[in-house]
Amino acid sequence: MQTKSPSNPVNRSFAIVSALLAGAGIFVLAQQTFPPTAAAPIATPRLIDPNALPPLVKVLDAALVAYNGSDSGAFLALFAHDARPPATEHTYKAIFEGIYREEFGKFVSGSVIPSETEPSPNYGQIVYAASFEKRAHVKVSADLIEESGALKIVQLRFEKMQLPTPRAPNAS
């Protein structure tokens, strides 16, 4: 909360501007105040239908097995026709063999992040907190759609995870 003390730089600037305006014959009648920022709501854990998750896990795990084995044929077969970027041998080599393998290495393990996962066959997403050979904290996200009766990947991303900074203990 902002104080009304003259040592507060905002109040000091307001006082100087008010004095200049008063000298010019213009009077400031009120200081603009802004309501305090509302605290962010506390997140409640999302419950995911346990029957909806296995099909998404199966597709993502199959993609990660193919990625680890450098099996571009099996990997690309898991992608939808409308995948972005298009699922081609060129994009596989450039993105997954080039960028991701260089930066992260092979996939080691992962677990679902329920708060970021949306198990829907219409346009679902599964997100893992994963560990790779070269980096311990990686977010793996796959967007999926149903195509010809099967779940297919539209987009697959590997990203460095930002870990929360530890909070200092309260000094009481």
Protein backbone atom coordinates (compact mmCIF):
# COMPACT_ATOMS: atom_id res chain seq x y z
CA MET A 1 0.00 0.00 0.00
CA GLN A 2 1.29 3.42 -0.90
CA THR A 3 1.93 5.80 2.00
CA LYS A 4 1.20 9.53 2.08
CA SER A 5 4.67 10.44 3.38
CA PRO A 6 6.60 13.14 1.49
CA SER A 7 9.57 10.74 1.25
CA ASN A 8 7.55 8.46 -1.04
CA PRO A 9 8.83 9.33 -4.58
CA VAL A 10 5.37 9.08 -6.12
CA ASN A 11 3.85 11.45 -3.55
CA ARG A 12 6.83 13.81 -3.85
CA SER A 13 6.39 13.94 -7.65
CA PHE A 14 2.66 14.48 -7.20
CA ALA A 15 3.34 17.35 -4.78
CA ILE A 16 5.80 19.01 -7.18
CA VAL A 17 3.43 18.69 -10.14
CA SER A 18 0.54 19.98 -7.99
CA ALA A 19 2.60 22.99 -6.91
CA LEU A 20 3.56 23.79 -10.51
CA LEU A 21 -0.02 23.47 -11.67
CA ALA A 22 -1.26 25.63 -8.76
CA GLY A 23 1.30 28.28 -9.69
CA ALA A 24 -0.13 28.28 -13.18
CA GLY A 25 -3.65 28.75 -11.80
CA ILE A 26 -4.68 25.10 -12.24
CA PHE A 27 -5.73 23.21 -9.13
CA VAL A 28 -5.61 19.46 -8.74
CA LEU A 29 -8.62 18.36 -6.76
CA ALA A 30 -7.88 14.69 -6.13
CA GLN A 31 -5.05 12.20 -6.45
CA GLN A 32 -5.73 9.16 -8.64
CA THR A 33 -5.74 5.97 -6.62
CA PHE A 34 -5.86 2.42 -7.89
CA PRO A 35 -7.41 -0.51 -6.06
CA PRO A 36 -4.97 -3.08 -4.70
CA THR A 37 -4.28 -6.03 -6.96
CA ALA A 38 -6.42 -9.03 -6.16
CA ALA A 39 -4.57 -12.13 -5.02
CA ALA A 40 -4.49 -14.96 -7.52
CA PRO A 41 -7.03 -17.66 -6.78
CA ILE A 42 -5.64 -20.82 -5.24
CA ALA A 43 -5.50 -23.57 -7.83
CA THR A 44 -7.46 -26.68 -7.08
CA PRO A 45 -6.14 -29.98 -8.38
CA ARG A 46 -7.86 -31.15 -11.57
CA LEU A 47 -9.30 -34.61 -11.60
CA ILE A 48 -8.83 -36.51 -14.84
CA ASP A 49 -11.07 -39.38 -15.84
CA PRO A 50 -8.72 -42.36 -15.42
CA ASN A 51 -10.32 -44.08 -18.45
CA ALA A 52 -9.58 -41.15 -20.75
CA LEU A 53 -5.84 -40.96 -20.08
CA PRO A 54 -4.44 -44.36 -21.25
CA PRO A 55 -5.08 -43.80 -24.99
CA LEU A 56 -3.16 -40.50 -24.89
CA VAL A 57 -0.34 -42.04 -22.84
CA LYS A 58 -0.13 -44.93 -25.32
CA VAL A 59 0.34 -42.59 -28.31
CA LEU A 60 2.85 -40.33 -26.56
CA ASP A 61 4.84 -43.27 -25.21
CA ALA A 62 4.94 -44.85 -28.69
CA ALA A 63 6.26 -41.56 -30.11
CA LEU A 64 8.94 -41.37 -27.42
CA VAL A 65 10.00 -45.00 -28.03
CA ALA A 66 10.28 -44.27 -31.78
CA TYR A 67 12.18 -41.03 -30.99
CA ASN A 68 14.65 -42.93 -28.77
CA GLY A 69 15.15 -45.58 -31.44
CA SER A 70 15.51 -43.00 -34.25
CA ASP A 71 12.69 -44.85 -36.03
CA SER A 72 11.34 -42.07 -38.23
CA GLY A 73 8.80 -44.35 -39.94
CA ALA A 74 7.13 -45.43 -36.69
CA PHE A 75 7.40 -41.88 -35.33
CA LEU A 76 5.81 -40.20 -38.36
CA ALA A 77 3.01 -42.81 -38.53
CA LEU A 78 1.73 -41.45 -35.19
CA PHE A 79 1.10 -37.97 -36.63
CA ALA A 80 -2.12 -36.61 -38.13
CA HIS A 81 -2.33 -35.50 -41.76
CA ASP A 82 -2.85 -31.93 -40.51
CA ALA A 83 0.14 -31.99 -38.14
CA ARG A 84 1.97 -28.69 -37.63
CA PRO A 85 4.66 -28.56 -38.79
CA PRO A 86 3.87 -31.26 -41.37
CA ALA A 87 5.13 -34.70 -40.36
CA THR A 88 7.77 -35.38 -42.98
CA GLU A 89 11.18 -37.00 -42.96
CA HIS A 90 12.69 -33.53 -43.34
CA THR A 91 10.91 -32.05 -40.28
CA TYR A 92 11.66 -35.19 -38.26
CA LYS A 93 15.39 -34.89 -38.99
CA ALA A 94 15.48 -31.11 -38.50
CA ILE A 95 13.43 -30.89 -35.30
CA PHE A 96 13.63 -34.22 -33.50
CA GLU A 97 17.02 -35.54 -34.61
CA GLY A 98 18.59 -32.11 -34.95
CA ILE A 99 17.29 -29.71 -32.31
CA TYR A 100 15.70 -31.96 -29.67
CA ARG A 101 18.22 -34.81 -29.71
CA GLU A 102 21.12 -32.33 -29.58
CA GLU A 103 19.64 -30.40 -26.66
CA PHE A 104 17.89 -33.12 -24.64
CA GLY A 105 19.26 -36.50 -25.73
CA LYS A 106 17.10 -39.59 -25.31
CA PHE A 107 13.90 -39.72 -23.26
CA VAL A 108 14.43 -41.46 -19.89
CA SER A 109 11.16 -41.15 -17.96
CA GLY A 110 8.08 -39.00 -17.55
CA SER A 111 4.92 -38.49 -15.57
CA VAL A 112 1.66 -36.80 -16.51
CA ILE A 113 1.09 -33.23 -15.33
CA PRO A 114 -2.68 -33.40 -14.61
CA SER A 115 -3.18 -29.63 -14.39
CA GLU A 116 -1.97 -29.21 -17.98
CA THR A 117 -3.47 -32.36 -19.51
CA GLU A 118 -6.79 -32.35 -21.35
CA PRO A 119 -7.76 -35.89 -22.35
CA SER A 120 -10.20 -35.18 -25.15
CA PRO A 121 -10.33 -37.10 -28.45
CA ASN A 122 -11.59 -33.95 -30.23
CA TYR A 123 -8.48 -31.94 -29.46
CA GLY A 124 -6.73 -33.29 -26.42
CA GLN A 125 -3.37 -32.59 -24.88
CA ILE A 126 -1.10 -34.69 -22.71
CA VAL A 127 1.79 -33.09 -20.87
CA TYR A 128 4.66 -34.90 -19.16
CA ALA A 129 7.24 -33.68 -16.70
CA ALA A 130 10.08 -35.66 -18.21
CA SER A 131 13.70 -36.52 -17.75
CA PHE A 132 16.10 -36.86 -20.69
CA GLU A 133 19.76 -37.89 -20.91
CA LYS A 134 21.07 -34.33 -21.20
CA ARG A 135 18.44 -32.46 -19.16
CA ALA A 136 16.57 -33.62 -16.08
CA HIS A 137 13.58 -31.26 -16.31
CA VAL A 138 11.78 -31.18 -19.65
CA LYS A 139 8.13 -30.56 -20.47
CA VAL A 140 6.84 -32.84 -23.23
CA SER A 141 3.51 -31.73 -24.70
CA ALA A 142 1.49 -33.54 -27.34
CA ASP A 143 -1.70 -32.21 -28.91
CA LEU A 144 -3.86 -35.00 -30.31
CA ILE A 145 -6.95 -35.44 -32.45
CA GLU A 146 -8.95 -38.43 -33.55
CA GLU A 147 -8.34 -39.22 -37.20
CA SER A 148 -9.97 -42.21 -38.92
CA GLY A 149 -10.84 -43.71 -35.54
CA ALA A 150 -7.32 -43.44 -34.07
CA LEU A 151 -5.65 -40.81 -31.90
CA LYS A 152 -2.96 -38.96 -33.85
CA ILE A 153 -0.46 -36.29 -32.83
CA VAL A 154 -0.97 -32.83 -34.27
CA GLN A 155 1.99 -31.24 -32.52
CA LEU A 156 4.75 -32.54 -30.23
CA ARG A 157 7.04 -30.22 -28.27
CA PHE A 158 9.95 -30.65 -25.86
CA GLU A 159 10.69 -27.59 -23.71
CA LYS A 160 13.01 -26.75 -20.84
CA MET A 161 10.96 -26.64 -17.65
CA GLN A 162 11.15 -23.64 -15.37
CA LEU A 163 11.47 -24.93 -11.85
CA PRO A 164 9.85 -22.88 -9.09
CA THR A 165 12.37 -20.93 -7.05
CA PRO A 166 12.48 -22.04 -3.44
CA ARG A 167 10.89 -19.62 -1.00
CA ALA A 168 12.86 -18.28 1.90
CA PRO A 169 11.47 -19.35 5.27
CA ASN A 170 9.36 -16.71 6.99
CA ALA A 171 11.33 -14.76 9.54
CA SER A 172 9.19 -14.61 12.65
